[in-house]
Amino acid sequence: MGLAAARGLGGLRTAPELEDFWSLEAWRDARKGWEDLYPFPFHPDPGGLISWGHDEHSSEYYFLANDPDPDNWEIVVGSECAQWYRTSGSFTDFLMRCYDGLDRAPFMDHAWPGGDARYKPFDT
């Protein structure tokens, strides 16, 4: 596994280069002075976001680990344009509210999720 399939300005990045590019330190640095664009820290920082998914419209889905009890964690949705949406409830409740059109970030596609929506496990 020498090269990863991500392209940078200089071509393909190696796995260590990608690790450095997407590191927690890189996210911490990105937030400095840009707290409006990145209003939440990333785990393992206290109260940090834990990624659990994304969709075909480039929305990212997170748990906001802002409570010692995971049952109290909120759901955060982020757009590719640095818009954020925060809601409460369990993971499954959130998904059901999305499917029913009851809980959706304003920047999300109103046709999402469609009737053919399916869960796809992440390949490691």
Foldseek 3Di string as FASTA:
>chain_A
DFWDPDQDPVGTDGPVVVCVCPDLVVVVVVCVVVCQLVVARAPPPAQHWDWDDADPQQKTKTWRNNDPDSQFTWIWIAHPRSDIDIGTDDPVVQVVCVVVVNDDDPPDDSCPPPPPDDDDDDDD
